[in-house]
N, C-alpha and C. Protein backbone atom coordinates (compact mmCIF):
# COMPACT_ATOMS: atom_id res chain seq x y z
N MET A 1 0.87 -1.40 0.05
CA MET A 1 0.02 -0.32 0.00
C MET A 1 0.76 1.27 0.04
N LEU A 2 0.98 2.33 -0.92
CA LEU A 2 1.13 3.33 -0.93
C LEU A 2 0.82 4.55 -0.32
N ALA A 3 1.58 5.45 0.03
CA ALA A 3 0.91 6.17 1.19
C ALA A 3 -0.25 7.17 0.48
N VAL A 4 -0.18 7.75 -0.71
CA VAL A 4 -1.39 7.98 -1.13
C VAL A 4 -2.33 7.13 -1.38
N GLN A 5 -2.57 5.47 -1.68
CA GLN A 5 -3.60 4.88 -1.14
C GLN A 5 -4.19 5.27 -0.03
N CYS A 6 -3.63 5.22 1.43
CA CYS A 6 -3.96 5.14 2.41
C CYS A 6 -4.45 6.57 2.29
N LYS A 7 -4.26 7.96 1.91
CA LYS A 7 -5.08 9.04 2.11
C LYS A 7 -6.41 8.88 1.45
N MET A 8 -5.99 8.59 0.05
CA MET A 8 -7.40 8.26 -0.98
C MET A 8 -8.51 7.19 -0.35
N ALA A 9 -7.50 6.18 0.53
CA ALA A 9 -8.99 5.33 0.89
C ALA A 9 -9.83 5.76 2.26
N ARG A 10 -9.14 6.53 3.16
CA ARG A 10 -9.75 7.42 4.23
C ARG A 10 -10.66 8.30 3.90
N ALA A 11 -10.17 9.18 2.48
CA ALA A 11 -11.11 10.27 2.28
C ALA A 11 -12.18 9.15 1.37
N ALA A 12 -12.27 8.64 0.72
CA ALA A 12 -13.33 7.72 0.26
C ALA A 12 -14.22 7.05 1.16
N LEU A 13 -14.04 6.83 2.30
CA LEU A 13 -14.63 6.48 3.65
C LEU A 13 -15.19 7.19 4.29
N GLY A 14 -14.88 8.84 4.22
CA GLY A 14 -14.99 10.00 5.31
C GLY A 14 -14.34 9.55 6.45
N LEU A 15 -13.12 8.58 6.96
CA LEU A 15 -12.94 8.39 7.99
C LEU A 15 -11.67 9.16 8.19
N GLY A 16 -11.36 9.85 9.56
CA GLY A 16 -10.05 10.53 10.08
C GLY A 16 -9.05 9.53 10.57
N VAL A 17 -8.12 9.71 10.88
CA VAL A 17 -6.99 9.37 10.91
C VAL A 17 -6.75 8.50 12.39
N ARG A 18 -7.27 9.09 12.71
CA ARG A 18 -7.86 8.88 14.47
C ARG A 18 -8.57 7.35 14.47
N GLU A 19 -9.77 7.33 13.83
CA GLU A 19 -10.45 6.23 13.16
C GLU A 19 -9.98 5.21 12.94
N ILE A 20 -8.95 5.87 11.58
CA ILE A 20 -8.34 4.09 11.31
C ILE A 20 -7.20 3.46 12.03
N ALA A 21 -6.31 4.73 12.81
CA ALA A 21 -5.82 3.81 14.09
C ALA A 21 -6.22 3.16 14.67
N GLU A 22 -7.61 3.74 14.97
CA GLU A 22 -7.91 3.05 16.66
C GLU A 22 -8.56 1.54 16.14
N ALA A 23 -9.07 1.39 14.64
CA ALA A 23 -9.22 0.26 14.05
C ALA A 23 -8.40 -0.47 13.50
N ALA A 24 -7.18 -0.26 13.36
CA ALA A 24 -5.76 -1.33 13.06
C ALA A 24 -5.14 -1.45 14.47
N LYS A 25 -5.21 -0.80 15.34
CA LYS A 25 -4.90 -0.88 16.80
C LYS A 25 -2.82 -0.30 16.68
N VAL A 26 -3.01 0.68 16.01
CA VAL A 26 -1.75 1.87 16.04
C VAL A 26 -2.17 3.09 16.72
N SER A 27 -1.32 3.50 16.60
CA SER A 27 -1.32 5.64 16.99
C SER A 27 -1.54 5.89 15.90
N PRO A 28 -2.38 7.15 16.18
CA PRO A 28 -2.39 7.78 15.18
C PRO A 28 -1.21 8.56 14.40
N ASP A 29 -0.47 8.97 15.25
CA ASP A 29 0.95 9.08 14.36
C ASP A 29 1.71 8.12 13.27
N THR A 30 0.97 6.86 13.73
CA THR A 30 2.01 6.17 13.12
C THR A 30 1.05 5.66 11.85
N VAL A 31 -0.34 6.65 11.57
CA VAL A 31 -1.05 6.90 10.57
C VAL A 31 -0.27 7.38 9.38
N VAL A 32 -0.21 9.12 10.43
CA VAL A 32 0.09 10.02 9.66
C VAL A 32 1.74 9.97 9.36
N ARG A 33 2.56 9.06 9.76
CA ARG A 33 4.13 9.11 9.30
C ARG A 33 3.58 8.19 8.02
N LEU A 34 2.98 7.36 8.19
CA LEU A 34 2.53 6.03 6.55
C LEU A 34 1.95 6.95 5.56
N GLU A 35 1.14 8.21 5.77
CA GLU A 35 0.96 9.09 4.92
C GLU A 35 1.95 9.85 4.43
N ARG A 36 3.20 10.28 4.95
CA ARG A 36 4.22 11.12 4.78
C ARG A 36 4.80 10.14 3.62
N GLY A 37 4.92 8.98 3.84
CA GLY A 37 5.99 7.86 2.84
C GLY A 37 6.93 7.55 3.83
N GLU A 38 6.96 7.79 5.07
CA GLU A 38 7.98 7.30 6.11
C GLU A 38 8.06 5.36 6.51
N ALA A 39 8.77 4.93 6.19
CA ALA A 39 9.38 3.61 6.40
C ALA A 39 8.66 3.08 8.05
N LEU A 40 7.72 1.86 7.66
CA LEU A 40 7.27 1.13 8.73
C LEU A 40 7.13 -0.40 8.34
N ARG A 41 6.55 -0.66 9.86
CA ARG A 41 7.59 -2.53 9.80
C ARG A 41 6.27 -2.86 8.94
N GLU A 42 6.55 -3.70 8.66
CA GLU A 42 5.90 -4.71 7.45
C GLU A 42 3.95 -4.87 8.47
N ARG A 43 4.25 -5.26 9.09
CA ARG A 43 2.96 -5.78 9.93
C ARG A 43 2.15 -4.25 10.57
N THR A 44 2.70 -3.51 10.36
CA THR A 44 1.93 -2.33 10.78
C THR A 44 1.22 -1.50 9.35
N VAL A 45 1.82 -1.76 8.54
CA VAL A 45 1.34 -1.38 7.39
C VAL A 45 -0.03 -2.42 6.90
N ASP A 46 0.59 -3.85 6.85
CA ASP A 46 -0.48 -4.22 6.80
C ASP A 46 -2.01 -4.83 7.89
N ALA A 47 -1.43 -3.97 9.14
CA ALA A 47 -3.20 -3.82 9.85
C ALA A 47 -3.46 -2.66 9.59
N ILE A 48 -3.00 -1.70 9.30
CA ILE A 48 -3.50 -0.48 8.51
C ILE A 48 -4.52 -0.51 7.78
N ARG A 49 -3.66 -1.55 6.38
CA ARG A 49 -4.49 -1.94 5.40
C ARG A 49 -5.59 -2.66 5.76
N ALA A 50 -5.47 -3.49 6.35
CA ALA A 50 -6.97 -4.52 6.62
C ALA A 50 -7.68 -3.67 7.32
N ALA A 51 -7.62 -2.91 8.38
CA ALA A 51 -8.00 -2.20 8.75
C ALA A 51 -9.02 -1.05 8.06
N LEU A 52 -8.59 -0.85 7.08
CA LEU A 52 -9.28 0.24 5.78
C LEU A 52 -10.12 -0.94 4.57
N GLU A 53 -9.29 -2.19 4.52
CA GLU A 53 -10.48 -2.92 3.58
C GLU A 53 -11.53 -3.20 4.62
N ALA A 54 -11.63 -3.63 5.87
CA ALA A 54 -12.57 -4.11 6.86
C ALA A 54 -13.54 -2.85 6.78
N ALA A 55 -13.50 -1.77 6.39
CA ALA A 55 -14.11 -0.36 6.46
C ALA A 55 -14.82 -0.60 4.98
N GLY A 56 -14.32 -1.23 3.97
CA GLY A 56 -15.16 -1.11 2.36
C GLY A 56 -14.37 -0.65 1.45
N VAL A 57 -12.88 -0.75 1.93
CA VAL A 57 -12.23 0.06 0.51
C VAL A 57 -11.32 -1.25 -0.20
N GLU A 58 -11.43 -1.18 -1.60
CA GLU A 58 -10.44 -2.52 -2.61
C GLU A 58 -9.29 -1.42 -2.91
N PHE A 59 -7.69 -2.47 -2.45
CA PHE A 59 -7.10 -0.87 -3.14
C PHE A 59 -6.87 -2.04 -4.99
N ILE A 60 -6.27 -1.28 -5.43
CA ILE A 60 -5.86 -1.32 -7.25
C ILE A 60 -4.51 -1.82 -7.27
N ALA A 61 -4.01 -2.21 -7.96
CA ALA A 61 -2.61 -2.32 -7.40
C ALA A 61 -2.03 -1.64 -9.27
N GLU A 62 -0.89 -0.94 -8.82
CA GLU A 62 -0.05 -0.49 -10.13
C GLU A 62 -0.35 -1.51 -11.42
N ASN A 63 -0.96 -0.81 -12.62
CA ASN A 63 -1.23 -1.71 -13.43
C ASN A 63 -0.89 -0.71 -14.67
N GLY A 64 -0.16 0.09 -14.87
CA GLY A 64 -0.28 1.13 -16.14
C GLY A 64 -0.81 2.01 -15.77
N GLY A 65 -2.29 1.96 -15.06
CA GLY A 65 -2.32 3.02 -14.67
C GLY A 65 -2.47 3.80 -13.75
N GLY A 66 -1.84 3.33 -12.56
CA GLY A 66 -1.56 3.99 -11.39
C GLY A 66 -2.10 3.39 -10.58
N ALA A 67 -1.50 3.25 -8.98
CA ALA A 67 -2.22 2.71 -7.92
C ALA A 67 -3.40 3.55 -7.55
N GLY A 68 -4.38 2.22 -7.13
CA GLY A 68 -5.52 3.60 -6.66
C GLY A 68 -6.07 2.50 -5.25
N VAL A 69 -7.50 3.05 -5.37
CA VAL A 69 -8.46 2.42 -4.29
C VAL A 69 -9.39 2.98 -4.89
N ARG A 70 -10.97 1.62 -4.52
CA ARG A 70 -12.40 2.08 -4.93
C ARG A 70 -13.01 1.79 -3.84
N LEU A 71 -14.33 1.83 -3.65
CA LEU A 71 -15.37 1.39 -2.46
C LEU A 71 -15.51 -0.08 -2.96
N ARG A 72 -16.03 -0.62 -1.63
CA ARG A 72 -16.34 -2.05 -2.27
C ARG A 72 -17.83 -2.11 -2.58
N GLU A 73 -18.18 -2.80 -3.57
CA GLU A 73 -19.36 -2.94 -3.96
C GLU A 73 -20.40 -3.82 -2.57
N LYS A 74 -21.14 -2.71 -2.12
CA LYS A 74 -22.07 -3.39 -0.96
C LYS A 74 -23.20 -4.60 -1.26
N ARG A 75 -23.03 -6.03 -1.05
CA ARG A 75 -23.99 -6.69 -1.47
C ARG A 75 -25.15 -6.46 -0.21
N PRO A 76 -26.38 -7.37 -1.48
CA PRO A 76 -27.61 -6.67 -0.95
C PRO A 76 -27.46 -8.07 0.59
């Protein structure tokens, strides 16, 4: 997950740094550091990504059009 993807995912979900940090069981400063592009432990990034995915985001890999995110389709 890229720093910009984390920012885009939070914006798409309408969630703040504190909300994602709480869901991922990390500090808000850790989320901010990720979004600034600082290197974090892989398991920390994985926890933040999992929290964002659980909230309804899908991450799109870089496939020639650039990495991105989208909201998961809600199932009836």
